[in-house]
Amino acid sequence: MDLISKLPYGKDFLFVDKISEVSEKHILGSYFFSENLGFYAAHFKDKPVTPGVILTECAAQIGLACLGLYLIGDLNTQIHRHFIALTETQIDFFKPVYPNETVWVKANLVYFRFNKMKVNIEIRLANQQLIAKGTLAGMLTKTNNNNAE
């Protein structure tokens, strides 16, 4: 299943390059933060770092949105497109992510019931250095003719 193509984000707000592993209990994916991304010019002008909100979004796209799409499987149709909307975050950051670094996001499912989903996440660099960890939660929602229900 090609999860990335089913995400409801345009190329300028898509923070998933690859899904390496996925099961009913976990997901592992990555994203390369190119120095050409627009926010680097303004987020610490002379010493650019990846904003925490962008790292959180990356983790949510992999850990909630992609894993959620995998779990709901064939529930998506041409008329109703389901996705997981972020509702809660609690993330501790330990190290910065600089331009031209790849992050790996691993999410372990805590629960998915009553249209609510919660995961524990870790964000690491390719050398396994821990960048951040915490929990994310979301709710299953659907779009119908471009309107969320």
N, C-alpha and C. Protein backbone atom coordinates (compact mmCIF):
# COMPACT_ATOMS: atom_id res chain seq x y z
N MET A 1 0.86 -1.18 0.00
CA MET A 1 0.00 0.00 0.00
C MET A 1 0.90 1.24 0.00
N ASP A 2 0.68 2.14 -0.96
CA ASP A 2 1.46 3.38 -1.03
C ASP A 2 0.80 4.42 -0.13
N LEU A 3 1.27 4.50 1.09
CA LEU A 3 0.67 5.40 2.08
C LEU A 3 0.96 6.86 1.78
N ILE A 4 2.15 7.16 1.30
CA ILE A 4 2.55 8.56 1.10
C ILE A 4 1.64 9.25 0.09
N SER A 5 1.29 8.57 -0.99
CA SER A 5 0.44 9.19 -2.01
C SER A 5 -0.98 9.45 -1.51
N LYS A 6 -1.38 8.79 -0.44
CA LYS A 6 -2.72 8.98 0.12
C LYS A 6 -2.79 10.12 1.14
N LEU A 7 -1.65 10.69 1.51
CA LEU A 7 -1.64 11.77 2.49
C LEU A 7 -2.28 13.03 1.91
N PRO A 8 -2.99 13.79 2.73
CA PRO A 8 -3.71 14.97 2.22
C PRO A 8 -2.87 16.26 2.24
N TYR A 9 -1.58 16.14 1.88
CA TYR A 9 -0.69 17.30 1.92
C TYR A 9 -0.08 17.54 0.56
N GLY A 10 0.13 18.83 0.24
CA GLY A 10 0.84 19.20 -0.98
C GLY A 10 2.34 19.06 -0.77
N LYS A 11 3.10 19.17 -1.86
CA LYS A 11 4.54 18.92 -1.79
C LYS A 11 5.27 19.86 -0.85
N ASP A 12 4.78 21.08 -0.68
CA ASP A 12 5.46 22.04 0.20
C ASP A 12 5.18 21.80 1.68
N PHE A 13 4.25 20.89 2.00
CA PHE A 13 3.97 20.58 3.40
C PHE A 13 3.96 19.07 3.64
N LEU A 14 4.66 18.34 2.79
CA LEU A 14 4.78 16.90 2.94
C LEU A 14 6.14 16.59 3.55
N PHE A 15 6.15 16.02 4.73
CA PHE A 15 7.40 15.74 5.44
C PHE A 15 7.60 14.23 5.63
N VAL A 16 7.34 13.48 4.57
CA VAL A 16 7.56 12.03 4.55
C VAL A 16 8.19 11.70 3.20
N ASP A 17 9.38 11.09 3.24
CA ASP A 17 10.02 10.62 2.00
C ASP A 17 9.85 9.13 1.81
N LYS A 18 9.88 8.39 2.91
CA LYS A 18 9.95 6.94 2.81
C LYS A 18 9.31 6.30 4.04
N ILE A 19 8.58 5.23 3.80
CA ILE A 19 8.09 4.36 4.88
C ILE A 19 8.87 3.05 4.74
N SER A 20 9.67 2.74 5.75
CA SER A 20 10.53 1.55 5.70
C SER A 20 9.88 0.32 6.31
N GLU A 21 9.08 0.53 7.36
CA GLU A 21 8.39 -0.58 8.02
C GLU A 21 7.01 -0.10 8.44
N VAL A 22 6.05 -1.01 8.36
CA VAL A 22 4.72 -0.70 8.89
C VAL A 22 4.04 -2.01 9.26
N SER A 23 3.37 -1.99 10.40
CA SER A 23 2.59 -3.14 10.86
C SER A 23 1.41 -2.59 11.65
N GLU A 24 0.62 -3.47 12.22
CA GLU A 24 -0.51 -3.02 13.03
C GLU A 24 -0.07 -2.41 14.35
N LYS A 25 1.20 -2.52 14.69
CA LYS A 25 1.70 -2.02 15.97
C LYS A 25 2.70 -0.87 15.86
N HIS A 26 3.32 -0.68 14.69
CA HIS A 26 4.35 0.35 14.59
C HIS A 26 4.56 0.80 13.14
N ILE A 27 5.30 1.89 13.00
CA ILE A 27 5.70 2.39 11.69
C ILE A 27 7.06 3.04 11.82
N LEU A 28 7.86 2.96 10.77
CA LEU A 28 9.17 3.61 10.70
C LEU A 28 9.26 4.31 9.36
N GLY A 29 9.53 5.62 9.40
CA GLY A 29 9.65 6.39 8.18
C GLY A 29 10.71 7.46 8.32
N SER A 30 11.04 8.09 7.18
CA SER A 30 12.10 9.09 7.21
C SER A 30 11.76 10.28 6.33
N TYR A 31 12.50 11.37 6.60
CA TYR A 31 12.39 12.59 5.80
C TYR A 31 13.73 13.31 5.80
N PHE A 32 14.15 13.77 4.62
CA PHE A 32 15.37 14.54 4.44
C PHE A 32 15.02 16.02 4.45
N PHE A 33 15.58 16.77 5.39
CA PHE A 33 15.34 18.21 5.50
C PHE A 33 16.36 18.97 4.66
N SER A 34 16.00 19.22 3.41
CA SER A 34 16.88 19.92 2.47
C SER A 34 17.11 21.37 2.90
N GLU A 35 18.31 21.84 2.69
CA GLU A 35 18.63 23.24 3.01
C GLU A 35 17.80 24.22 2.19
N ASN A 36 17.16 23.76 1.14
CA ASN A 36 16.34 24.62 0.28
C ASN A 36 14.94 24.86 0.80
N LEU A 37 14.56 24.23 1.89
CA LEU A 37 13.23 24.46 2.46
C LEU A 37 13.13 25.91 2.94
N GLY A 38 12.01 26.55 2.64
CA GLY A 38 11.84 27.98 2.86
C GLY A 38 12.00 28.47 4.28
N PHE A 39 11.64 27.67 5.26
CA PHE A 39 11.69 28.16 6.64
C PHE A 39 13.11 28.35 7.16
N TYR A 40 14.09 27.70 6.55
CA TYR A 40 15.47 27.85 7.04
C TYR A 40 16.00 29.27 6.90
N ALA A 41 15.53 30.01 5.90
CA ALA A 41 16.01 31.38 5.70
C ALA A 41 15.63 32.29 6.86
N ALA A 42 14.55 31.97 7.57
CA ALA A 42 14.06 32.85 8.62
C ALA A 42 14.16 32.26 10.03
N HIS A 43 14.37 30.96 10.12
CA HIS A 43 14.42 30.34 11.45
C HIS A 43 15.87 30.27 11.91
N PHE A 44 16.27 31.34 12.55
CA PHE A 44 17.64 31.64 12.96
C PHE A 44 18.48 31.90 11.72
N LYS A 45 18.39 33.15 11.26
CA LYS A 45 18.94 33.58 9.97
C LYS A 45 20.37 33.13 9.70
N ASP A 46 21.24 33.22 10.68
CA ASP A 46 22.64 32.88 10.44
C ASP A 46 23.01 31.46 10.87
N LYS A 47 22.15 30.81 11.60
CA LYS A 47 22.39 29.43 12.06
C LYS A 47 21.08 28.66 11.96
N PRO A 48 20.68 28.28 10.75
CA PRO A 48 19.37 27.65 10.58
C PRO A 48 19.25 26.30 11.28
N VAL A 49 18.11 26.10 11.93
CA VAL A 49 17.74 24.81 12.51
C VAL A 49 16.28 24.53 12.15
N THR A 50 15.94 23.27 12.17
CA THR A 50 14.57 22.86 11.85
C THR A 50 13.66 23.21 13.02
N PRO A 51 12.58 23.96 12.77
CA PRO A 51 11.66 24.31 13.86
C PRO A 51 11.03 23.06 14.49
N GLY A 52 10.84 23.12 15.80
CA GLY A 52 10.22 22.01 16.51
C GLY A 52 8.82 21.69 16.00
N VAL A 53 8.08 22.71 15.59
CA VAL A 53 6.73 22.45 15.07
C VAL A 53 6.79 21.66 13.77
N ILE A 54 7.84 21.87 12.97
CA ILE A 54 8.00 21.11 11.72
C ILE A 54 8.41 19.67 12.04
N LEU A 55 9.28 19.48 13.02
CA LEU A 55 9.63 18.12 13.43
C LEU A 55 8.41 17.40 13.99
N THR A 56 7.59 18.12 14.74
CA THR A 56 6.35 17.54 15.26
C THR A 56 5.43 17.15 14.11
N GLU A 57 5.31 18.02 13.12
CA GLU A 57 4.48 17.73 11.95
C GLU A 57 5.00 16.50 11.21
N CYS A 58 6.30 16.42 11.04
CA CYS A 58 6.91 15.25 10.39
C CYS A 58 6.55 13.98 11.15
N ALA A 59 6.69 14.02 12.46
CA ALA A 59 6.36 12.85 13.29
C ALA A 59 4.88 12.51 13.19
N ALA A 60 4.02 13.53 13.14
CA ALA A 60 2.58 13.29 13.04
C ALA A 60 2.21 12.71 11.67
N GLN A 61 2.85 13.20 10.61
CA GLN A 61 2.55 12.67 9.28
C GLN A 61 2.93 11.20 9.17
N ILE A 62 4.07 10.84 9.75
CA ILE A 62 4.50 9.44 9.70
C ILE A 62 3.75 8.61 10.75
N GLY A 63 3.80 9.07 12.00
CA GLY A 63 3.31 8.26 13.11
C GLY A 63 1.82 8.19 13.28
N LEU A 64 1.11 9.24 12.89
CA LEU A 64 -0.35 9.23 12.99
C LEU A 64 -1.00 9.05 11.62
N ALA A 65 -0.67 9.93 10.68
CA ALA A 65 -1.36 9.91 9.39
C ALA A 65 -1.07 8.63 8.60
N CYS A 66 0.22 8.29 8.42
CA CYS A 66 0.54 7.09 7.64
C CYS A 66 0.12 5.81 8.36
N LEU A 67 0.42 5.72 9.65
CA LEU A 67 0.00 4.52 10.39
C LEU A 67 -1.52 4.42 10.42
N GLY A 68 -2.20 5.55 10.61
CA GLY A 68 -3.66 5.55 10.59
C GLY A 68 -4.22 5.08 9.26
N LEU A 69 -3.64 5.56 8.15
CA LEU A 69 -4.09 5.11 6.83
C LEU A 69 -3.88 3.61 6.67
N TYR A 70 -2.76 3.12 7.16
CA TYR A 70 -2.50 1.68 7.09
C TYR A 70 -3.56 0.90 7.89
N LEU A 71 -3.87 1.39 9.07
CA LEU A 71 -4.81 0.67 9.94
C LEU A 71 -6.25 0.69 9.41
N ILE A 72 -6.65 1.79 8.78
CA ILE A 72 -8.03 1.83 8.27
C ILE A 72 -8.15 1.16 6.92
N GLY A 73 -7.04 0.96 6.23
CA GLY A 73 -7.01 0.19 4.99
C GLY A 73 -8.03 0.63 3.97
N ASP A 74 -8.95 -0.27 3.64
CA ASP A 74 -9.90 -0.05 2.56
C ASP A 74 -11.07 0.85 2.94
N LEU A 75 -11.04 1.45 4.10
CA LEU A 75 -12.11 2.37 4.49
C LEU A 75 -12.14 3.61 3.59
N ASN A 76 -10.98 3.96 3.03
CA ASN A 76 -10.93 5.10 2.11
C ASN A 76 -11.60 4.74 0.80
N THR A 77 -12.40 5.67 0.29
CA THR A 77 -13.05 5.49 -1.00
C THR A 77 -12.86 6.76 -1.82
N GLN A 78 -13.35 6.76 -3.01
CA GLN A 78 -13.26 7.95 -3.86
C GLN A 78 -14.11 9.09 -3.30
N ILE A 79 -15.21 8.78 -2.63
CA ILE A 79 -16.10 9.81 -2.11
C ILE A 79 -15.63 10.32 -0.75
N HIS A 80 -15.28 9.42 0.14
CA HIS A 80 -14.86 9.79 1.50
C HIS A 80 -13.39 9.44 1.67
N ARG A 81 -12.57 10.45 1.90
CA ARG A 81 -11.15 10.23 2.17
C ARG A 81 -10.92 10.41 3.66
N HIS A 82 -10.51 9.36 4.32
CA HIS A 82 -10.27 9.40 5.76
C HIS A 82 -8.83 9.77 6.05
N PHE A 83 -8.62 10.45 7.15
CA PHE A 83 -7.28 10.75 7.62
C PHE A 83 -7.33 11.00 9.12
N ILE A 84 -6.16 11.02 9.73
CA ILE A 84 -6.06 11.26 11.17
C ILE A 84 -5.67 12.72 11.38
N ALA A 85 -6.49 13.47 12.09
CA ALA A 85 -6.21 14.87 12.41
C ALA A 85 -5.52 14.94 13.77
N LEU A 86 -4.43 15.67 13.84
CA LEU A 86 -3.67 15.82 15.09
C LEU A 86 -4.49 16.55 16.13
N THR A 87 -4.54 16.00 17.35
CA THR A 87 -5.30 16.64 18.43
C THR A 87 -4.47 16.94 19.66
N GLU A 88 -3.35 16.24 19.84
CA GLU A 88 -2.58 16.42 21.07
C GLU A 88 -1.12 16.05 20.83
N THR A 89 -0.21 16.84 21.41
CA THR A 89 1.21 16.53 21.34
C THR A 89 1.86 16.71 22.70
N GLN A 90 2.81 15.87 22.98
CA GLN A 90 3.68 16.03 24.14
C GLN A 90 5.02 15.46 23.70
N ILE A 91 5.94 16.36 23.35
CA ILE A 91 7.23 15.94 22.81
C ILE A 91 8.34 16.67 23.55
N ASP A 92 9.35 15.92 23.94
CA ASP A 92 10.57 16.49 24.52
C ASP A 92 11.65 16.47 23.45
N PHE A 93 12.31 17.61 23.26
CA PHE A 93 13.38 17.74 22.27
C PHE A 93 14.73 17.73 22.99
N PHE A 94 15.70 17.01 22.41
CA PHE A 94 17.01 16.85 23.03
C PHE A 94 18.14 17.45 22.20
N LYS A 95 18.02 17.42 20.89
CA LYS A 95 19.07 17.92 20.00
C LYS A 95 18.42 18.63 18.82
N PRO A 96 19.11 19.61 18.22
CA PRO A 96 18.57 20.26 17.02
C PRO A 96 18.77 19.40 15.78
N VAL A 97 17.96 19.69 14.76
CA VAL A 97 18.11 19.09 13.44
C VAL A 97 18.50 20.22 12.50
N TYR A 98 19.60 20.04 11.80
CA TYR A 98 20.12 21.07 10.91
C TYR A 98 19.73 20.78 9.47
N PRO A 99 19.86 21.78 8.58
CA PRO A 99 19.59 21.54 7.16
C PRO A 99 20.45 20.38 6.64
N ASN A 100 19.89 19.66 5.68
CA ASN A 100 20.55 18.53 5.02
C ASN A 100 20.76 17.33 5.94
N GLU A 101 19.87 17.17 6.91
CA GLU A 101 19.90 15.97 7.75
C GLU A 101 18.62 15.18 7.52
N THR A 102 18.74 13.87 7.65
CA THR A 102 17.59 12.97 7.54
C THR A 102 17.17 12.55 8.94
N VAL A 103 15.88 12.65 9.20
CA VAL A 103 15.35 12.15 10.47
C VAL A 103 14.57 10.87 10.21
N TRP A 104 14.60 10.00 11.20
CA TRP A 104 13.83 8.76 11.19
C TRP A 104 12.82 8.84 12.32
N VAL A 105 11.57 8.59 11.99
CA VAL A 105 10.50 8.63 12.98
C VAL A 105 9.99 7.21 13.17
N LYS A 106 10.00 6.77 14.43
CA LYS A 106 9.40 5.48 14.77
C LYS A 106 8.23 5.76 15.70
N ALA A 107 7.09 5.18 15.37
CA ALA A 107 5.89 5.33 16.20
C ALA A 107 5.40 3.95 16.58
N ASN A 108 5.10 3.79 17.87
CA ASN A 108 4.51 2.56 18.38
C ASN A 108 3.09 2.87 18.83
N LEU A 109 2.16 2.08 18.33
CA LEU A 109 0.75 2.29 18.63
C LEU A 109 0.46 2.03 20.10
N VAL A 110 -0.19 2.99 20.75
CA VAL A 110 -0.68 2.82 22.11
C VAL A 110 -2.11 2.30 22.04
N TYR A 111 -2.96 2.99 21.26
CA TYR A 111 -4.32 2.51 21.01
C TYR A 111 -4.89 3.16 19.76
N PHE A 112 -5.88 2.48 19.18
CA PHE A 112 -6.69 3.02 18.10
C PHE A 112 -8.09 2.46 18.31
N ARG A 113 -8.96 3.26 18.92
CA ARG A 113 -10.33 2.82 19.20
C ARG A 113 -11.24 4.04 19.25
N PHE A 114 -12.50 3.82 18.93
CA PHE A 114 -13.50 4.89 18.94
C PHE A 114 -13.03 6.09 18.11
N ASN A 115 -12.39 5.82 16.99
CA ASN A 115 -11.88 6.84 16.07
C ASN A 115 -10.79 7.72 16.68
N LYS A 116 -10.18 7.28 17.75
CA LYS A 116 -9.08 8.01 18.37
C LYS A 116 -7.83 7.14 18.34
N MET A 117 -6.70 7.80 18.12
CA MET A 117 -5.44 7.09 17.98
C MET A 117 -4.37 7.78 18.82
N LYS A 118 -3.51 6.98 19.44
CA LYS A 118 -2.40 7.53 20.21
C LYS A 118 -1.16 6.70 19.93
N VAL A 119 -0.02 7.38 19.76
CA VAL A 119 1.25 6.71 19.50
C VAL A 119 2.35 7.31 20.37
N ASN A 120 3.33 6.48 20.69
CA ASN A 120 4.58 6.95 21.27
C ASN A 120 5.57 7.09 20.13
N ILE A 121 6.27 8.21 20.07
CA ILE A 121 7.18 8.44 18.95
C ILE A 121 8.60 8.70 19.44
N GLU A 122 9.54 8.37 18.56
CA GLU A 122 10.93 8.77 18.71
C GLU A 122 11.39 9.32 17.37
N ILE A 123 12.13 10.41 17.42
CA ILE A 123 12.76 10.98 16.23
C ILE A 123 14.26 10.83 16.42
N ARG A 124 14.91 10.22 15.44
CA ARG A 124 16.36 9.99 15.51
C ARG A 124 17.02 10.40 14.20
N LEU A 125 18.31 10.69 14.28
CA LEU A 125 19.11 10.90 13.08
C LEU A 125 19.55 9.54 12.55
N ALA A 126 20.15 9.52 11.37
CA ALA A 126 20.60 8.27 10.77
C ALA A 126 21.61 7.54 11.66
N ASN A 127 22.38 8.28 12.46
CA ASN A 127 23.36 7.66 13.35
C ASN A 127 22.73 7.18 14.66
N GLN A 128 21.41 7.18 14.74
CA GLN A 128 20.61 6.74 15.89
C GLN A 128 20.59 7.73 17.05
N GLN A 129 21.17 8.92 16.86
CA GLN A 129 21.13 9.94 17.92
C GLN A 129 19.68 10.36 18.16
N LEU A 130 19.26 10.32 19.41
CA LEU A 130 17.89 10.68 19.77
C LEU A 130 17.70 12.19 19.68
N ILE A 131 16.73 12.62 18.89
CA ILE A 131 16.41 14.03 18.71
C ILE A 131 15.23 14.42 19.60
N ALA A 132 14.20 13.59 19.61
CA ALA A 132 12.99 13.91 20.38
C ALA A 132 12.22 12.63 20.64
N LYS A 133 11.38 12.68 21.68
CA LYS A 133 10.46 11.56 21.93
C LYS A 133 9.26 12.10 22.68
N GLY A 134 8.16 11.38 22.56
CA GLY A 134 6.95 11.80 23.23
C GLY A 134 5.74 11.03 22.74
N THR A 135 4.57 11.67 22.86
CA THR A 135 3.33 11.05 22.42
C THR A 135 2.57 12.01 21.51
N LEU A 136 1.85 11.43 20.58
CA LEU A 136 0.96 12.17 19.68
C LEU A 136 -0.39 11.49 19.71
N ALA A 137 -1.45 12.27 19.58
CA ALA A 137 -2.79 11.71 19.50
C ALA A 137 -3.54 12.39 18.37
N GLY A 138 -4.52 11.68 17.83
CA GLY A 138 -5.32 12.23 16.75
C GLY A 138 -6.67 11.55 16.69
N MET A 139 -7.52 12.09 15.81
CA MET A 139 -8.87 11.55 15.60
C MET A 139 -9.08 11.25 14.14
N LEU A 140 -9.75 10.15 13.88
CA LEU A 140 -10.12 9.80 12.52
C LEU A 140 -11.21 10.74 12.05
N THR A 141 -10.99 11.34 10.91
CA THR A 141 -11.99 12.22 10.32
C THR A 141 -12.04 11.90 8.83
N LYS A 142 -12.97 12.47 8.14
CA LYS A 142 -13.05 12.22 6.70
C LYS A 142 -13.39 13.50 5.99
N THR A 143 -13.03 13.54 4.73
CA THR A 143 -13.41 14.66 3.89
C THR A 143 -14.44 14.18 2.89
N ASN A 144 -15.34 15.05 2.55
CA ASN A 144 -16.36 14.79 1.55
C ASN A 144 -16.47 16.07 0.74
N ASN A 145 -16.06 16.03 -0.51
CA ASN A 145 -16.06 17.22 -1.35
C ASN A 145 -15.22 18.33 -0.73
N ASN A 146 -14.04 17.98 -0.23
CA ASN A 146 -13.06 18.92 0.33
C ASN A 146 -13.49 19.56 1.63
N ASN A 147 -14.48 19.04 2.32
CA ASN A 147 -14.89 19.56 3.62
C ASN A 147 -14.69 18.48 4.67
N ALA A 148 -14.07 18.85 5.78
CA ALA A 148 -13.90 17.87 6.87
C ALA A 148 -15.22 17.67 7.58
N GLU A 149 -15.47 16.43 7.96
CA GLU A 149 -16.70 16.10 8.69
C GLU A 149 -16.35 15.66 10.09
